[in-house]
Protein backbone atom coordinates (compact mmCIF):
# COMPACT_ATOMS: atom_id res chain seq x y z
CA MET A 1 200.44 128.75 127.66
CA ALA A 2 203.87 129.32 129.19
CA VAL A 3 207.13 130.66 127.83
CA LYS A 4 209.50 127.69 127.88
CA ILE A 5 213.16 128.68 128.14
CA TRP A 6 215.91 126.12 127.64
CA TYR A 7 219.12 127.51 129.13
CA VAL A 8 222.55 126.39 128.01
CA GLY A 9 224.43 126.77 131.27
CA ALA A 10 221.28 126.10 133.27
CA TYR A 11 222.92 126.17 136.70
CA GLY A 12 224.94 129.33 136.12
CA ILE A 13 224.17 132.44 138.13
CA VAL A 14 222.44 134.26 135.25
CA SER A 15 220.17 131.33 134.39
CA THR A 16 219.23 130.50 137.99
CA THR A 17 218.57 134.17 138.81
CA ALA A 18 216.27 134.37 135.78
CA MET A 19 214.46 131.20 136.86
CA LEU A 20 214.03 132.50 140.40
CA GLY A 21 212.77 135.89 139.22
CA GLY A 22 210.56 134.39 136.53
CA LYS A 23 208.80 132.15 139.01
CA LEU A 24 208.37 134.98 141.54
CA ILE A 25 206.85 137.20 138.84
CA GLU A 26 204.56 134.38 137.74
CA LYS A 27 203.28 134.05 141.31
CA GLY A 28 202.77 137.81 141.61
CA ARG A 29 205.42 138.03 144.32
CA MET A 30 207.80 140.39 142.52
CA GLU A 31 207.52 143.47 140.32
CA THR A 32 208.76 143.40 136.74
CA THR A 33 211.46 146.04 137.28
CA GLY A 34 214.38 145.24 134.98
CA LEU A 35 212.28 143.65 132.25
CA VAL A 36 212.51 145.76 129.10
CA SER A 37 209.57 143.87 127.60
CA GLU A 38 207.30 145.20 130.35
CA LEU A 39 207.80 148.84 129.37
CA PRO A 40 204.66 150.62 128.07
CA GLN A 41 206.14 150.70 124.55
CA PHE A 42 205.69 146.92 124.35
CA GLU A 43 202.10 146.75 125.46
CA GLY A 44 200.42 143.57 124.29
CA ILE A 45 203.49 141.33 124.32
CA GLU A 46 201.78 139.08 126.88
CA LYS A 47 199.59 137.81 124.02
CA TYR A 48 202.71 136.35 122.45
CA ALA A 49 204.73 135.54 125.55
CA PRO A 50 202.94 135.72 128.91
CA LEU A 51 204.66 136.08 132.27
CA LYS A 52 204.34 132.38 132.91
CA PHE A 53 207.40 130.19 132.62
CA GLU A 54 208.80 126.69 132.34
CA PHE A 55 212.55 126.20 132.51
CA GLY A 56 214.99 123.49 131.51
CA GLY A 57 218.47 123.27 130.11
CA HIS A 58 221.87 121.68 129.74
CA GLU A 59 224.68 121.94 132.28
CA VAL A 60 228.23 120.60 132.58
CA ARG A 61 228.69 120.88 136.36
CA LYS A 62 227.53 118.25 138.84
CA VAL A 63 224.66 119.93 140.70
CA GLU A 64 221.43 118.25 141.79
CA ASN A 65 218.85 120.79 140.62
CA ALA A 66 218.18 124.49 140.05
CA TYR A 67 217.34 125.08 143.71
CA VAL A 68 220.68 123.70 144.88
CA ALA A 69 222.49 125.72 142.21
CA SER A 70 220.62 128.90 143.26
CA LEU A 71 221.47 128.29 146.90
CA GLN A 72 225.16 127.85 146.04
CA HIS A 73 225.16 131.17 144.19
CA TRP A 74 223.32 132.85 147.07
CA GLU A 75 225.90 131.62 149.57
CA LEU A 76 228.62 133.33 147.54
CA ASN A 77 226.78 136.48 146.49
CA ARG A 78 223.69 137.23 148.62
CA HIS A 79 222.23 138.76 145.46
CA PHE A 80 218.62 138.15 146.51
CA GLU A 81 216.75 137.53 149.74
CA LEU A 82 216.82 133.95 150.98
CA ASP A 83 213.09 133.97 151.64
CA GLN A 84 212.57 134.70 147.91
CA LEU A 85 214.42 131.50 147.10
CA GLU A 86 212.48 129.48 149.64
CA GLU A 87 209.21 130.78 148.19
CA VAL A 88 209.90 129.06 144.87
CA ARG A 89 211.98 126.18 146.22
CA GLU A 90 209.52 123.54 145.05
CA ASP A 91 209.47 124.97 141.52
CA LEU A 92 213.27 125.11 141.27
CA GLU A 93 213.79 121.63 142.70
CA LYS A 94 211.81 120.28 139.74
CA ILE A 95 214.24 121.83 137.26
CA ARG A 96 216.95 119.24 136.61
CA ALA A 97 219.35 120.05 133.81
CA GLU A 98 220.48 117.47 131.30
CA LYS A 99 224.13 116.64 130.81
CA GLY A 100 225.69 119.04 128.32
CA THR A 101 228.82 119.35 126.23
CA ALA A 102 231.90 121.48 126.86
CA ILE A 103 233.69 120.60 123.65
CA ASN A 104 236.43 123.14 122.88
CA CYS A 105 235.27 125.44 125.69
CA GLY A 106 238.84 126.00 126.84
CA LYS A 107 240.81 125.86 130.05
CA GLY A 108 238.55 128.44 131.69
CA VAL A 109 235.59 126.08 131.74
CA GLN A 110 237.83 123.23 132.92
CA ALA A 111 238.72 125.43 135.92
CA LEU A 112 235.13 125.16 137.15
CA GLY A 113 236.05 121.79 138.65
CA GLU A 114 235.05 118.26 137.80
CA LEU A 115 232.75 118.37 134.81
CA ASP A 116 230.01 115.92 133.95
CA VAL A 117 229.93 116.14 130.16
CA LEU A 118 228.68 114.12 127.22
CA GLU A 119 232.25 113.73 125.97
CA ASN A 120 232.80 111.30 128.85
CA GLU A 121 230.04 109.04 127.53
CA VAL A 122 229.98 109.31 123.75
CA GLN A 123 232.76 109.51 121.19
CA THR A 124 231.63 111.44 118.12
CA LEU A 125 230.08 114.79 117.24
CA SER A 126 227.12 112.94 115.75
CA GLU A 127 226.49 111.21 119.07
CA ILE A 128 226.81 114.48 121.01
CA VAL A 129 224.33 116.22 118.69
CA GLU A 130 221.96 113.26 118.91
CA ARG A 131 221.95 113.43 122.72
CA LEU A 132 221.50 117.21 122.81
CA GLU A 133 218.65 116.95 120.32
CA ARG A 134 216.94 114.19 122.27
CA ASP A 135 216.99 116.24 125.48
CA VAL A 136 215.72 119.42 123.84
CA LYS A 137 212.91 117.68 121.92
CA ARG A 138 211.59 116.08 125.12
CA PHE A 139 211.15 119.58 126.60
CA ALA A 140 210.25 121.69 123.60
CA ASP A 141 206.95 122.80 122.15
CA SER A 142 205.88 125.77 120.03
CA GLU A 143 206.52 128.16 122.95
CA THR A 144 210.19 127.20 123.46
CA VAL A 145 213.29 129.37 123.10
CA MET A 146 216.91 128.36 123.68
CA ILE A 147 219.14 130.91 125.44
CA ASN A 148 222.91 130.41 125.61
CA SER A 149 224.10 131.81 128.93
CA ALA A 150 227.06 129.45 129.34
CA SER A 151 230.66 130.49 129.99
CA THR A 152 232.56 132.25 127.22
CA GLU A 153 234.36 129.97 124.77
CA PRO A 154 237.74 130.65 123.13
CA ILE A 155 237.70 131.95 119.57
CA ILE A 156 237.06 129.04 117.20
CA ARG A 157 239.30 127.81 114.40
CA TYR A 158 237.32 129.09 111.44
CA ASN A 159 237.14 126.71 108.51
CA GLU A 160 235.36 127.70 105.30
CA LYS A 161 234.72 124.08 104.33
CA TYR A 162 232.77 123.39 107.52
CA HIS A 163 231.45 126.77 108.60
CA ASP A 164 230.36 128.57 105.43
CA THR A 165 227.46 126.33 104.37
CA LEU A 166 224.90 124.13 106.05
CA ASP A 167 226.03 121.14 104.00
CA GLY A 168 229.57 121.82 105.16
CA PHE A 169 228.52 122.11 108.80
CA GLU A 170 226.69 118.81 108.68
CA LYS A 171 229.74 117.29 106.95
CA MET A 172 231.84 118.51 109.92
CA ILE A 173 229.55 116.55 112.22
CA GLU A 174 229.64 113.52 109.90
CA ASP A 175 233.47 113.71 109.64
CA ASP A 176 233.76 114.09 113.42
CA ALA A 177 236.01 117.12 112.86
CA LYS A 178 236.03 118.07 116.54
CA GLU A 179 238.80 120.64 116.19
CA TYR A 180 236.40 122.90 114.25
CA ALA A 181 233.37 122.46 116.51
CA SER A 182 232.40 124.17 119.74
CA ALA A 183 229.61 123.62 122.23
CA SER A 184 227.77 126.85 121.40
CA MET A 185 227.53 126.11 117.68
CA LEU A 186 226.27 122.58 118.35
CA TYR A 187 223.55 123.87 120.67
CA ALA A 188 222.56 126.51 118.12
CA TYR A 189 222.42 123.87 115.39
CA VAL A 190 220.12 121.67 117.47
CA ALA A 191 217.80 124.58 118.28
CA LEU A 192 217.50 125.93 114.75
CA LYS A 193 217.22 122.47 113.17
CA ASN A 194 214.20 121.83 115.39
CA GLY A 195 212.50 125.17 114.80
CA ILE A 196 213.43 126.61 118.21
CA PRO A 197 214.37 130.32 118.34
CA TYR A 198 217.90 130.84 119.66
CA GLY A 199 219.39 133.76 121.58
CA ASN A 200 223.14 133.94 122.20
CA PHE A 201 223.79 135.87 125.42
CA THR A 202 227.53 135.14 125.21
CA PRO A 203 230.39 136.25 122.94
CA SER A 204 230.83 132.63 121.82
CA VAL A 205 230.19 131.87 118.15
CA GLY A 206 226.69 130.44 118.67
CA SER A 207 224.46 130.90 115.62
CA SER A 208 226.65 133.52 113.92
CA LEU A 209 228.27 131.10 111.48
CA PRO A 210 227.10 131.51 107.86
CA ALA A 211 226.10 127.84 107.92
CA LEU A 212 223.75 128.34 110.86
CA LYS A 213 222.32 131.55 109.45
CA GLU A 214 221.50 129.49 106.36
CA LEU A 215 219.82 126.87 108.57
CA ALA A 216 217.71 129.54 110.31
CA ILE A 217 216.46 130.79 106.95
CA GLU A 218 215.77 127.26 105.70
CA LYS A 219 213.81 126.34 108.84
CA LYS A 220 212.24 129.81 109.16
CA VAL A 221 213.47 130.32 112.72
CA PRO A 222 214.38 133.67 114.34
CA HIS A 223 217.66 134.04 116.21
CA ALA A 224 219.63 136.90 117.78
CA GLY A 225 222.95 137.67 119.49
CA ASN A 226 225.73 138.11 120.48
CA ASP A 227 226.90 138.85 124.03
CA GLY A 228 224.38 140.44 126.36
CA LYS A 229 224.92 144.18 126.87
CA THR A 230 224.42 144.48 130.61
CA GLY A 231 227.04 146.60 132.35
CA GLU A 232 230.10 148.63 131.41
CA THR A 233 229.46 148.28 127.67
CA LEU A 234 225.85 149.39 128.18
CA VAL A 235 227.14 152.58 129.80
CA LYS A 236 229.85 152.98 127.15
CA THR A 237 227.41 152.72 124.24
CA THR A 238 225.04 155.13 125.97
CA LEU A 239 227.70 157.73 126.77
CA ALA A 240 229.85 157.41 123.66
CA PRO A 241 227.22 158.89 121.30
CA MET A 242 227.10 162.01 123.50
CA PHE A 243 230.62 162.92 122.37
CA ALA A 244 229.66 162.32 118.74
CA TYR A 245 226.50 164.43 119.06
CA ARG A 246 228.59 167.33 120.40
CA ASN A 247 231.32 166.86 117.76
CA LEU A 248 233.91 166.16 120.43
CA LYS A 249 236.85 163.99 119.43
CA VAL A 250 237.50 160.99 121.66
CA LEU A 251 241.25 160.49 121.81
CA GLY A 252 241.31 157.47 124.07
CA TRP A 253 239.06 155.27 126.20
CA MET A 254 240.30 153.00 128.95
CA SER A 255 238.00 150.35 130.44
CA TYR A 256 239.20 148.27 133.36
CA ASN A 257 236.81 145.58 134.55
CA ILE A 258 237.17 143.45 137.67
CA LEU A 259 234.85 140.63 138.67
CA GLY A 260 234.77 137.40 140.63
CA ASP A 261 232.45 134.39 140.71
CA LEU A 262 232.54 131.63 138.08
CA ASP A 263 232.34 134.08 135.17
CA GLY A 264 235.46 135.86 136.40
CA LEU A 265 237.21 132.53 136.97
CA VAL A 266 236.55 131.44 133.39
CA LEU A 267 237.65 134.81 132.00
CA SER A 268 240.88 134.66 134.00
CA HIS A 269 242.10 132.28 131.30
CA LYS A 270 243.51 134.10 128.30
CA GLU A 271 241.90 132.01 125.56
CA ASN A 272 238.41 132.43 127.06
CA LYS A 273 238.93 136.14 127.77
CA GLU A 274 239.97 137.01 124.22
CA SER A 275 236.54 136.83 122.60
CA LYS A 276 235.00 138.84 125.46
CA VAL A 277 237.54 141.65 125.11
CA ILE A 278 237.01 141.81 121.34
CA SER A 279 233.25 142.06 121.85
CA LYS A 280 233.62 144.94 124.31
CA ASP A 281 236.36 146.73 122.37
CA LYS A 282 234.77 147.07 118.92
CA VAL A 283 231.85 149.29 119.92
CA LEU A 284 233.79 152.59 119.79
CA GLU A 285 234.85 152.15 116.18
CA LYS A 286 231.25 151.35 115.22
CA ILE A 287 229.95 154.50 116.92
CA TYR A 288 232.63 156.97 115.80
CA GLY A 289 233.77 155.60 112.46
CA TYR A 290 237.36 155.86 113.73
CA SER A 291 239.27 153.97 116.40
CA PRO A 292 240.35 155.98 119.44
CA PHE A 293 243.25 154.59 121.45
CA SER A 294 241.62 151.90 123.54
CA ILE A 295 242.53 149.76 126.52
CA THR A 296 240.05 147.10 127.59
CA GLN A 297 241.02 144.84 130.46
CA ILE A 298 239.09 142.19 132.38
CA GLU A 299 240.65 140.82 135.54
CA TYR A 300 239.56 138.17 138.01
CA PHE A 301 239.04 139.58 141.53
CA PRO A 302 237.73 136.67 143.64
CA SER A 303 236.36 138.54 146.65
CA LEU A 304 233.99 140.60 144.48
CA ALA A 305 231.97 137.48 143.66
CA ASP A 306 229.20 138.60 141.26
CA ASN A 307 229.72 142.32 141.89
CA LYS A 308 231.26 143.53 138.65
CA THR A 309 233.11 146.85 138.87
CA ALA A 310 234.34 148.84 135.88
CA PHE A 311 236.57 151.93 135.90
CA ASP A 312 236.43 153.99 132.70
CA PHE A 313 238.60 156.94 131.69
CA ILE A 314 237.82 158.97 128.55
CA HIS A 315 240.25 161.50 127.11
CA PHE A 316 238.60 163.84 124.62
CA GLU A 317 239.30 166.99 122.64
CA GLY A 318 236.98 169.98 122.41
CA PHE A 319 236.81 173.51 121.03
CA LEU A 320 240.19 175.21 120.43
CA GLY A 321 241.88 171.81 120.65
CA ARG A 322 241.48 171.71 124.41
CA LYS A 323 241.92 168.24 125.94
CA MET A 324 239.57 167.21 128.73
CA LYS A 325 238.72 164.11 130.75
CA PHE A 326 235.67 162.15 131.85
CA TYR A 327 235.56 159.30 134.37
CA PHE A 328 232.89 156.89 135.51
CA ILE A 329 232.61 153.83 137.72
CA TRP A 330 230.04 151.11 137.14
CA ASP A 331 229.37 148.83 140.09
CA ALA A 332 226.55 146.32 139.76
CA ILE A 333 225.58 142.75 140.52
CA ASP A 334 226.11 141.10 137.18
CA ALA A 335 223.36 138.48 137.43
CA ILE A 336 220.78 141.05 138.50
CA VAL A 337 221.34 143.23 135.44
CA ALA A 338 221.74 140.25 133.08
CA ALA A 339 219.06 137.75 134.10
CA PRO A 340 215.95 139.74 133.11
CA LEU A 341 217.38 140.39 129.66
CA THR A 342 217.45 136.65 128.95
CA ILE A 343 213.70 136.60 129.62
CA ASP A 344 213.23 139.67 127.40
CA ILE A 345 215.15 138.03 124.58
CA ALA A 346 213.04 134.88 124.85
CA ARG A 347 209.81 136.91 124.78
CA PHE A 348 210.82 139.00 121.76
CA LEU A 349 212.03 135.92 119.87
CA LEU A 350 208.65 134.27 120.44
CA PHE A 351 206.99 137.45 119.21
CA ALA A 352 209.14 137.32 116.08
CA LYS A 353 208.36 133.66 115.49
CA LYS A 354 204.61 134.11 115.89
CA GLU A 355 204.63 137.07 113.51
CA GLY A 356 206.40 135.00 110.87
CA MET A 357 209.83 136.61 111.13
CA TYR A 358 212.96 134.49 110.79
CA GLY A 359 216.69 134.65 110.32
CA VAL A 360 218.74 137.17 112.29
CA ILE A 361 216.45 139.62 114.10
CA LYS A 362 218.80 142.58 113.90
CA GLU A 363 216.20 144.85 115.52
CA MET A 364 216.98 143.06 118.79
CA GLY A 365 220.52 144.47 118.71
CA PHE A 366 219.60 146.62 121.73
CA PHE A 367 220.30 143.61 123.93
CA PHE A 368 223.78 142.78 122.60
CA LYS A 369 227.35 144.07 122.57
CA SER A 370 228.04 142.55 119.15
CA PRO A 371 224.66 142.40 117.39
CA MET A 372 224.59 140.36 114.21
CA GLU A 373 224.14 141.95 110.78
CA THR A 374 224.18 145.53 112.00
CA ARG A 375 226.88 148.01 113.00
CA ASN A 376 224.49 150.00 115.15
CA VAL A 377 225.61 149.77 118.80
CA ASN A 378 224.24 153.16 119.87
CA THR A 379 221.95 152.34 122.81
CA HIS A 380 219.60 155.26 122.05
CA SER A 381 218.95 154.42 118.40
CA GLN A 382 218.93 150.68 119.16
CA PHE A 383 216.07 151.19 121.61
CA GLU A 384 214.15 153.30 119.11
CA GLU A 385 214.68 150.57 116.51
CA LEU A 386 213.41 147.89 118.90
CA VAL A 387 210.28 149.90 119.74
CA ARG A 388 209.55 150.70 116.09
CA TRP A 389 210.01 147.06 115.06
CA TYR A 390 207.68 145.81 117.77
CA GLN A 391 204.95 148.42 117.25
CA GLU A 392 204.94 148.02 113.47
CA ASN A 393 204.52 144.24 113.71
CA ALA A 394 202.38 143.71 116.84
């Protein structure tokens, strides 16, 4: 038995880093540092989702295989040792992504260069869905999870007729109403329709539409999202409760993020950046119950490659009305902090599926900036909730 992960955005730096690490762990060549699911609190999870992996996915860039993609990322970032890559070269060369869709993914994704997408071959939404479904079904079995780690999409044009009900969503596909569809929702539809748990590691809409939540309930499939909480927001949602616990009033919070690599390139386009900023910006209101003055900026800084740096400034008020300041800098390799979480999410979704849980698994909110169906973004209580959920059901 192996955990089978189907990555949307299979040749991206997060997906390829997860594949590399997963295969090294499987061979006993790397420790499990960074995997939340390997903490003592989650003892026994290997019965549901062992540390043995098969990988596949969809991709929109022209790259030969996962090894070539990993090598390209290494040449830019040096985020792992080259001998680690060579150790699993044969495994990664076997991973060849299927042609994906980039429908309504915005100018940011177009900036990645020449794309090899289904839209160049087929005309309608029905045909795109049919191709995606064919690819996934060839790979999938009862141990399969789909993880969306593709580039951030622009905010969709919401349409009640097509997005509020499953019948409406399938009518959108039948009507070929492309202006209301996006790649992430089509992938989520294919996964849930075929009983495959789905995790949305991006701020894109994914499975968060009411129509797709309805589908997950109908098919009895677990899903979770949105937007992996890996860096600056992880620190923010860990530190922010401290001020609440001490009854200190946060007057303002400035977050300035700079990053390079393909993620930064995509987010340098305003329409793609917008949903990411919203995802990062809402956490303070959820923690405090009021909205401090907030500035959240994300800027493309090419020479940083995958090293994401965040500068945060917090202005707060204490006893006797005294105003004080707190600063921090987060500097991390984005793929290194993100990749293991995609494996964690897959393992916990398989756990949920095998224990008969379905619909939105809100107890997995610990992994996300904008968790579905909960306002809890406090890292401390989210972790306690995750542990309690696992231990009560294992």
